Amino acid sequence: METTTVETKTGKSACGGGIGGLACSAYRVLSWLAPIADLAARLWVANAFFKSGLTKIQSFPTTIQLFKYEYSVPLLPPEIAAYLGTFTELFFPVLLAVGLGGRLAAVVLFIFNIIAVISYPELGAAGREQHYVWGILLLIAVTHGPGKLSLDHWIARRFGWGRS
């Protein structure tokens, strides 16, 4: 079987030729693109939640009315649910976007996303599908972490955390 990597003088491996070399090169390109994809996913989800929070604070009396008469948030009085929901949509997307406490922010938004779907039974099929996509992207951030383009990664490298 042909070896697809060779050691260079600097000690780094380089891809060889043939199909194995092509696969090796593709892997390296995808590995380079992965942090960009992680960041794009975080920014896309954070943007959706943050815009929703901005909408809520633009007319907070209307938001409270929506929580009283439209949304059915379990276990919480409507006023408290309105304040907590607005805070969640304005605070945690910022953390997710910059990747600071990225897993925590993703967990909070994932749970919030589930509550939002449960609390609004009139949500149409397209809206539910959108929430499902956000949920999947948030689960990726929970399980994979925010990625290399994040403050979490920078802090870990800066202080040597996470190294064996």
Protein backbone atom coordinates (compact mmCIF):
# COMPACT_ATOMS: atom_id res chain seq x y z
CA MET A 1 0.00 0.00 0.00
CA GLU A 2 1.35 3.44 -0.97
CA THR A 3 2.16 5.87 1.84
CA THR A 4 0.40 9.18 1.35
CA THR A 5 2.44 11.33 3.70
CA VAL A 6 6.14 12.08 3.73
CA GLU A 7 8.22 13.80 6.39
CA THR A 8 9.73 17.11 5.34
CA LYS A 9 12.94 18.66 6.73
CA THR A 10 10.84 20.72 9.18
CA GLY A 11 9.25 17.55 10.57
CA LYS A 12 5.81 18.32 9.17
CA SER A 13 4.08 15.73 7.03
CA ALA A 14 3.23 16.49 3.42
CA CYS A 15 0.87 14.62 1.14
CA GLY A 16 2.36 12.25 -1.42
CA GLY A 17 1.01 11.46 -4.89
CA GLY A 18 -1.80 9.40 -6.33
CA ILE A 19 -5.32 8.96 -5.01
CA GLY A 20 -4.04 8.74 -1.44
CA GLY A 21 -2.26 12.03 -1.89
CA LEU A 22 -5.41 13.60 -3.29
CA ALA A 23 -7.39 12.36 -0.29
CA CYS A 24 -4.69 13.66 2.04
CA SER A 25 -4.77 17.07 0.34
CA ALA A 26 -8.57 17.21 0.53
CA TYR A 27 -8.41 16.35 4.24
CA ARG A 28 -5.92 19.15 4.87
CA VAL A 29 -8.08 21.70 3.03
CA LEU A 30 -11.19 20.60 4.93
CA SER A 31 -9.27 20.74 8.21
CA TRP A 32 -8.26 24.29 7.37
CA LEU A 33 -11.88 25.22 6.53
CA ALA A 34 -13.42 23.60 9.64
CA PRO A 35 -12.81 26.57 11.98
CA ILE A 36 -14.39 28.89 9.42
CA ALA A 37 -17.44 26.61 9.20
CA ASP A 38 -17.66 26.50 13.02
CA LEU A 39 -17.57 30.29 13.18
CA ALA A 40 -20.13 30.67 10.37
CA ALA A 41 -22.55 28.30 12.11
CA ARG A 42 -22.14 30.10 15.44
CA LEU A 43 -22.66 33.50 13.83
CA TRP A 44 -25.73 32.37 11.88
CA VAL A 45 -27.50 30.95 14.94
CA ALA A 46 -26.40 33.83 17.19
CA ASN A 47 -27.71 36.33 14.67
CA ALA A 48 -31.16 34.71 14.59
CA PHE A 49 -31.54 34.70 18.37
CA PHE A 50 -30.05 38.18 18.83
CA LYS A 51 -32.39 39.73 16.25
CA SER A 52 -35.32 38.13 18.05
CA GLY A 53 -34.13 39.69 21.32
CA LEU A 54 -33.81 43.10 19.67
CA THR A 55 -37.37 42.79 18.41
CA LYS A 56 -38.54 42.06 21.95
CA ILE A 57 -36.86 45.13 23.50
CA GLN A 58 -38.08 47.48 20.77
CA SER A 59 -41.57 47.23 22.23
CA PHE A 60 -41.30 45.54 25.58
CA PRO A 61 -44.94 46.17 26.62
CA THR A 62 -45.99 44.27 23.48
CA THR A 63 -43.54 41.51 24.37
CA ILE A 64 -45.13 41.13 27.80
CA GLN A 65 -48.57 40.97 26.17
CA LEU A 66 -47.33 38.26 23.80
CA PHE A 67 -46.03 36.23 26.74
CA LYS A 68 -49.36 36.68 28.53
CA TYR A 69 -51.68 35.79 25.67
CA GLU A 70 -49.74 34.11 22.85
CA TYR A 71 -46.87 32.10 24.28
CA SER A 72 -47.43 29.32 26.80
CA VAL A 73 -44.14 29.15 28.65
CA PRO A 74 -44.33 26.32 31.19
CA LEU A 75 -43.75 26.97 34.91
CA LEU A 76 -43.08 30.72 34.70
CA PRO A 77 -45.32 33.76 35.05
CA PRO A 78 -45.53 35.66 31.72
CA GLU A 79 -43.64 38.75 32.95
CA ILE A 80 -40.71 36.73 34.26
CA ALA A 81 -40.69 34.61 31.09
CA ALA A 82 -40.60 37.79 28.98
CA TYR A 83 -37.62 39.21 30.89
CA LEU A 84 -35.72 35.91 30.96
CA GLY A 85 -36.45 35.23 27.29
CA THR A 86 -35.31 38.67 26.21
CA PHE A 87 -32.16 38.45 28.35
CA THR A 88 -31.37 35.00 26.97
CA GLU A 89 -31.77 36.17 23.37
CA LEU A 90 -29.55 39.21 23.89
CA PHE A 91 -26.80 37.83 26.15
CA PHE A 92 -26.08 34.25 25.13
CA PRO A 93 -25.90 34.85 21.35
CA VAL A 94 -23.09 37.33 21.97
CA LEU A 95 -21.18 34.70 23.96
CA LEU A 96 -21.84 32.13 21.24
CA ALA A 97 -20.71 34.49 18.47
CA VAL A 98 -17.37 35.30 20.08
CA GLY A 99 -16.95 31.78 21.44
CA LEU A 100 -16.63 32.75 25.09
CA GLY A 101 -18.19 30.04 27.21
CA GLY A 102 -19.23 28.68 23.84
CA ARG A 103 -20.51 25.32 25.03
CA LEU A 104 -22.47 26.88 27.89
CA ALA A 105 -24.02 29.45 25.56
CA ALA A 106 -24.92 26.72 23.08
CA VAL A 107 -26.55 24.57 25.81
CA VAL A 108 -28.59 27.53 27.10
CA LEU A 109 -29.73 28.47 23.58
CA PHE A 110 -30.49 24.82 22.77
CA ILE A 111 -32.79 24.54 25.81
CA PHE A 112 -34.28 27.96 25.04
CA ASN A 113 -34.93 26.82 21.48
CA ILE A 114 -36.85 23.77 22.73
CA ILE A 115 -38.89 25.91 25.11
CA ALA A 116 -39.67 28.35 22.29
CA VAL A 117 -41.07 25.55 20.10
CA ILE A 118 -43.10 24.07 22.97
CA SER A 119 -44.40 27.49 24.07
CA TYR A 120 -45.71 28.57 20.70
CA PRO A 121 -48.09 25.90 19.40
CA GLU A 122 -49.12 28.04 16.42
CA LEU A 123 -45.59 27.89 15.03
CA GLY A 124 -45.91 26.70 11.44
CA ALA A 125 -44.02 23.87 9.79
CA ALA A 126 -41.42 26.20 8.27
CA GLY A 127 -40.78 27.81 11.65
CA ARG A 128 -40.37 24.42 13.32
CA GLU A 129 -37.91 23.35 10.63
CA GLN A 130 -35.88 26.51 11.23
CA HIS A 131 -35.80 25.76 14.96
CA TYR A 132 -34.68 22.18 14.19
CA VAL A 133 -31.77 23.49 12.11
CA TRP A 134 -30.75 25.89 14.89
CA GLY A 135 -30.97 23.03 17.37
CA ILE A 136 -28.70 20.81 15.27
CA LEU A 137 -26.14 23.59 14.85
CA LEU A 138 -26.26 24.30 18.58
CA LEU A 139 -25.72 20.61 19.34
CA ILE A 140 -22.64 20.67 17.14
CA ALA A 141 -21.31 23.61 19.17
CA VAL A 142 -22.15 21.77 22.41
CA THR A 143 -20.42 18.54 21.43
CA HIS A 144 -17.58 19.92 19.30
CA GLY A 145 -16.97 23.22 21.10
CA PRO A 146 -16.86 26.63 19.48
CA GLY A 147 -13.78 25.83 17.39
CA LYS A 148 -10.40 27.43 16.79
CA LEU A 149 -11.84 30.84 15.89
CA SER A 150 -13.17 31.52 19.38
CA LEU A 151 -12.13 33.22 22.59
CA ASP A 152 -12.38 29.85 24.34
CA HIS A 153 -9.68 28.47 22.04
CA TRP A 154 -7.50 31.57 22.40
CA ILE A 155 -7.78 31.49 26.22
CA ALA A 156 -7.00 27.76 26.32
CA ARG A 157 -3.88 28.26 24.16
CA ARG A 158 -2.82 31.38 26.05
CA PHE A 159 -2.93 29.66 29.42
CA GLY A 160 -1.99 26.16 28.25
CA TRP A 161 -5.32 24.59 29.22
CA GLY A 162 -6.43 21.40 27.56
CA ARG A 163 -2.95 20.15 26.75
CA SER A 164 -1.80 16.72 27.81
